[in-house]
Amino acid sequence: MDTRPYRCNWPVSTIIFDLSPETIFGKSTQKVKDIGAKIPRSCLFYHIPSETFDIQQILRSKGFNGARPSLWAFQGLPIMNLANFKEILEVVSNLAMKGCLFLGELPAWLAEAEGGVKSTTRWMEKLFMSHGFNVDIIAFDEIAGNLGAESTADDYNNILFVAEHLRYSDDQMETWRREFQRIEEEGDEEGFEEL
């Protein structure tokens, strides 16, 4: 389990949702406790098992609001095929507010498994754009340079990405729908003046 969420200085009242397999969460939670990492007291932390049938509903019941900014980090979830990742993209696209970021690492074999892929960048752009994201692939050399380290990209078989969500979330669309309906009803009540 990545301990960076535990070490960040989060704003007060931040809600952190960990969406991961139950078995992995149990093991990694113990490792996090062993090293002494803790979520700040001013934040809330919820684990949502990735095996859950209706992830969107459970996130909402725990306080997730798609009309508020969110950051989505994708790391280490077991991806069996492209359809698995498309399901994740669909969930994030439905829940994430316009302008939110989705970042993470995608197994390189996923792009290679798609027959006829000539450009990983173009494949990623098409995949993410079909779900409302503008994606950038991040080079390992760039990260290593920023950290003052040598690149070990040869040993790493994942594609790092950062994607910005370009669509409105379901919650944002519902807010617009209610507002539009309210304005329409007010117009009906006022009516037209009789001549």
Protein backbone atom coordinates (compact mmCIF):
# COMPACT_ATOMS: atom_id res chain seq x y z
CA MET A 1 0.00 0.00 0.00
CA ASP A 2 1.26 3.44 -0.89
CA THR A 3 1.74 5.51 2.29
CA ARG A 4 1.83 8.91 0.57
CA PRO A 5 -1.85 9.65 1.35
CA TYR A 6 -0.96 9.20 5.01
CA ARG A 7 1.97 11.60 4.81
CA CYS A 8 0.32 14.45 2.88
CA ASN A 9 -0.81 17.62 4.59
CA TRP A 10 -4.51 17.41 3.63
CA PRO A 11 -6.91 20.34 4.10
CA VAL A 12 -9.25 20.10 7.10
CA SER A 13 -12.38 17.99 6.43
CA THR A 14 -10.82 16.10 3.53
CA ILE A 15 -12.49 12.73 2.97
CA ILE A 16 -10.18 9.99 1.69
CA PHE A 17 -11.79 6.98 0.04
CA ASP A 18 -9.67 3.87 -0.40
CA LEU A 19 -11.16 1.65 -3.09
CA SER A 20 -9.24 -1.63 -3.07
CA PRO A 21 -9.71 -5.39 -2.75
CA GLU A 22 -10.61 -6.39 0.82
CA THR A 23 -7.75 -8.89 1.16
CA ILE A 24 -5.13 -6.38 0.02
CA PHE A 25 -6.55 -3.66 2.26
CA GLY A 26 -6.33 -5.86 5.36
CA LYS A 27 -2.66 -6.70 4.77
CA SER A 28 -1.63 -3.20 3.76
CA THR A 29 -3.42 -1.58 6.71
CA GLN A 30 -1.30 -3.62 9.08
CA LYS A 31 1.88 -2.60 7.23
CA VAL A 32 0.86 1.06 7.43
CA LYS A 33 0.26 0.73 11.18
CA ASP A 34 3.63 -0.98 11.60
CA ILE A 35 5.46 1.99 10.07
CA GLY A 36 3.41 4.47 12.08
CA ALA A 37 1.68 6.27 9.19
CA LYS A 38 -1.67 7.88 10.08
CA ILE A 39 -4.37 9.90 8.37
CA PRO A 40 -4.55 13.37 10.00
CA ARG A 41 -7.26 13.65 12.68
CA SER A 42 -8.92 16.48 10.74
CA CYS A 43 -9.66 14.08 7.85
CA LEU A 44 -11.99 11.13 7.37
CA PHE A 45 -10.87 7.83 5.85
CA TYR A 46 -13.21 5.20 4.37
CA HIS A 47 -12.33 1.88 2.80
CA ILE A 48 -14.68 0.69 0.07
CA PRO A 49 -14.09 -2.93 -1.06
CA SER A 50 -13.57 -3.00 -4.83
CA GLU A 51 -15.59 -6.22 -4.94
CA THR A 52 -18.69 -4.20 -4.00
CA PHE A 53 -21.53 -4.42 -6.51
CA ASP A 54 -22.56 -0.74 -6.56
CA ILE A 55 -19.43 1.29 -5.84
CA GLN A 56 -21.07 4.59 -6.81
CA GLN A 57 -23.94 4.15 -4.33
CA ILE A 58 -21.63 3.17 -1.47
CA LEU A 59 -19.32 6.13 -2.12
CA ARG A 60 -22.31 8.47 -2.03
CA SER A 61 -23.61 6.89 1.19
CA LYS A 62 -20.20 7.56 2.79
CA GLY A 63 -20.32 11.24 1.84
CA PHE A 64 -18.84 11.44 -1.64
CA ASN A 65 -20.26 14.35 -3.61
CA GLY A 66 -19.62 14.57 -7.35
CA ALA A 67 -20.28 18.32 -7.29
CA ARG A 68 -17.14 18.88 -5.19
CA PRO A 69 -13.52 18.65 -6.35
CA SER A 70 -11.83 15.28 -6.05
CA LEU A 71 -8.52 13.67 -6.90
CA TRP A 72 -8.50 10.08 -8.14
CA ALA A 73 -5.35 7.95 -7.84
CA PHE A 74 -5.22 4.59 -9.58
CA GLN A 75 -2.52 2.23 -8.41
CA GLY A 76 -2.18 -1.50 -8.03
CA LEU A 77 -5.77 -2.62 -8.66
CA PRO A 78 -5.81 -6.00 -10.39
CA ILE A 79 -6.63 -5.36 -14.05
CA MET A 80 -7.34 -8.54 -15.99
CA ASN A 81 -8.21 -6.94 -19.33
CA LEU A 82 -9.14 -3.69 -21.04
CA ALA A 83 -12.82 -4.12 -20.14
CA ASN A 84 -11.88 -3.98 -16.41
CA PHE A 85 -10.11 -0.68 -16.86
CA LYS A 86 -12.93 0.74 -18.99
CA GLU A 87 -15.33 -0.03 -16.13
CA ILE A 88 -13.09 1.94 -13.76
CA LEU A 89 -12.91 4.83 -16.23
CA GLU A 90 -16.71 4.81 -16.49
CA VAL A 91 -17.17 4.93 -12.70
CA VAL A 92 -14.67 7.76 -12.30
CA SER A 93 -16.20 9.65 -15.24
CA ASN A 94 -19.67 9.42 -13.68
CA LEU A 95 -18.49 10.51 -10.23
CA ALA A 96 -15.70 13.03 -10.81
CA MET A 97 -16.52 16.71 -11.12
CA LYS A 98 -15.44 18.49 -14.29
CA GLY A 99 -11.81 19.57 -13.91
CA CYS A 100 -10.85 16.83 -11.44
CA LEU A 101 -7.66 14.86 -11.93
CA PHE A 102 -7.28 11.12 -12.39
CA LEU A 103 -3.72 9.86 -12.14
CA GLY A 104 -1.98 6.56 -11.85
CA GLU A 105 -0.23 3.75 -13.61
CA LEU A 106 -1.60 1.42 -16.23
CA PRO A 107 0.02 -1.92 -17.12
CA ALA A 108 1.90 -1.56 -20.42
CA TRP A 109 0.74 -5.02 -21.51
CA LEU A 110 -2.78 -3.60 -21.77
CA ALA A 111 -1.78 -1.42 -24.72
CA GLU A 112 0.28 -4.24 -26.20
CA ALA A 113 -2.69 -6.63 -25.95
CA GLU A 114 -4.71 -4.35 -28.22
CA GLY A 115 -3.79 -5.62 -31.67
CA GLY A 116 -2.51 -3.06 -34.13
CA VAL A 117 -1.54 -0.37 -31.60
CA LYS A 118 1.13 1.68 -33.33
CA SER A 119 1.29 4.51 -30.82
CA THR A 120 0.71 4.05 -27.09
CA THR A 121 0.11 7.78 -26.76
CA ARG A 122 -2.63 7.78 -29.40
CA TRP A 123 -4.19 4.65 -27.93
CA MET A 124 -4.25 6.23 -24.44
CA GLU A 125 -5.70 9.49 -25.79
CA LYS A 126 -8.49 7.64 -27.61
CA LEU A 127 -9.26 5.39 -24.61
CA PHE A 128 -9.41 8.24 -22.10
CA MET A 129 -11.18 10.73 -24.39
CA SER A 130 -13.95 8.19 -25.00
CA HIS A 131 -14.69 8.52 -21.26
CA GLY A 132 -14.32 12.31 -21.09
CA PHE A 133 -10.67 12.65 -20.04
CA ASN A 134 -7.78 14.55 -21.57
CA VAL A 135 -4.73 12.40 -20.75
CA ASP A 136 -1.00 13.04 -20.63
CA ILE A 137 1.55 10.25 -20.40
CA ILE A 138 4.28 11.07 -17.91
CA ALA A 139 7.83 9.99 -18.80
CA PHE A 140 9.82 8.18 -16.11
CA ASP A 141 12.89 10.19 -17.07
CA GLU A 142 10.99 13.40 -16.29
CA ILE A 143 10.03 12.20 -12.82
CA ALA A 144 13.52 10.90 -12.11
CA GLY A 145 15.01 14.22 -13.23
CA ASN A 146 12.66 16.18 -10.96
CA LEU A 147 13.71 13.98 -8.04
CA GLY A 148 17.40 14.18 -8.92
CA ALA A 149 17.60 10.43 -9.51
CA GLU A 150 18.51 8.19 -12.40
CA SER A 151 15.68 6.71 -14.43
CA THR A 152 14.90 3.03 -13.92
CA ALA A 153 12.25 2.99 -16.64
CA ASP A 154 13.83 -0.10 -18.23
CA ASP A 155 12.75 -2.18 -15.22
CA TYR A 156 9.23 -0.75 -15.07
CA ASN A 157 6.37 -2.05 -17.20
CA ASN A 158 3.65 0.49 -16.45
CA ILE A 159 2.47 3.67 -18.15
CA LEU A 160 2.18 6.68 -15.85
CA PHE A 161 -0.66 9.07 -16.65
CA VAL A 162 -2.42 12.21 -15.49
CA ALA A 163 -5.88 12.90 -16.92
CA GLU A 164 -8.20 15.88 -16.51
CA HIS A 165 -11.93 15.20 -16.50
CA LEU A 166 -13.71 17.24 -19.18
CA ARG A 167 -17.33 16.22 -18.53
CA TYR A 168 -19.76 17.17 -15.80
CA SER A 169 -20.33 14.49 -13.17
CA ASP A 170 -23.72 12.86 -12.68
CA ASP A 171 -24.19 15.01 -9.55
CA GLN A 172 -23.39 18.20 -11.46
CA MET A 173 -25.85 17.25 -14.20
CA GLU A 174 -28.53 16.53 -11.58
CA THR A 175 -27.93 19.97 -10.04
CA TRP A 176 -28.32 21.61 -13.47
CA ARG A 177 -31.46 19.57 -14.16
CA ARG A 178 -33.07 20.66 -10.87
CA GLU A 179 -32.12 24.29 -11.47
CA PHE A 180 -33.48 24.22 -15.01
CA GLN A 181 -36.71 22.63 -13.76
CA ARG A 182 -37.03 25.28 -11.02
CA ILE A 183 -36.61 28.11 -13.53
CA GLU A 184 -39.11 26.48 -15.88
CA GLU A 185 -41.69 26.10 -13.08
CA GLU A 186 -41.22 29.72 -11.98
CA GLY A 187 -41.85 30.80 -15.58
CA ASP A 188 -45.06 28.75 -15.68
CA GLU A 189 -46.27 30.31 -12.41
CA GLU A 190 -45.70 33.85 -13.63
CA GLY A 191 -47.46 33.12 -16.89
CA PHE A 192 -48.15 35.68 -19.55
CA GLU A 193 -50.03 38.90 -19.03
CA GLU A 194 -53.48 38.93 -20.57
CA LEU A 195 -54.06 41.46 -23.33
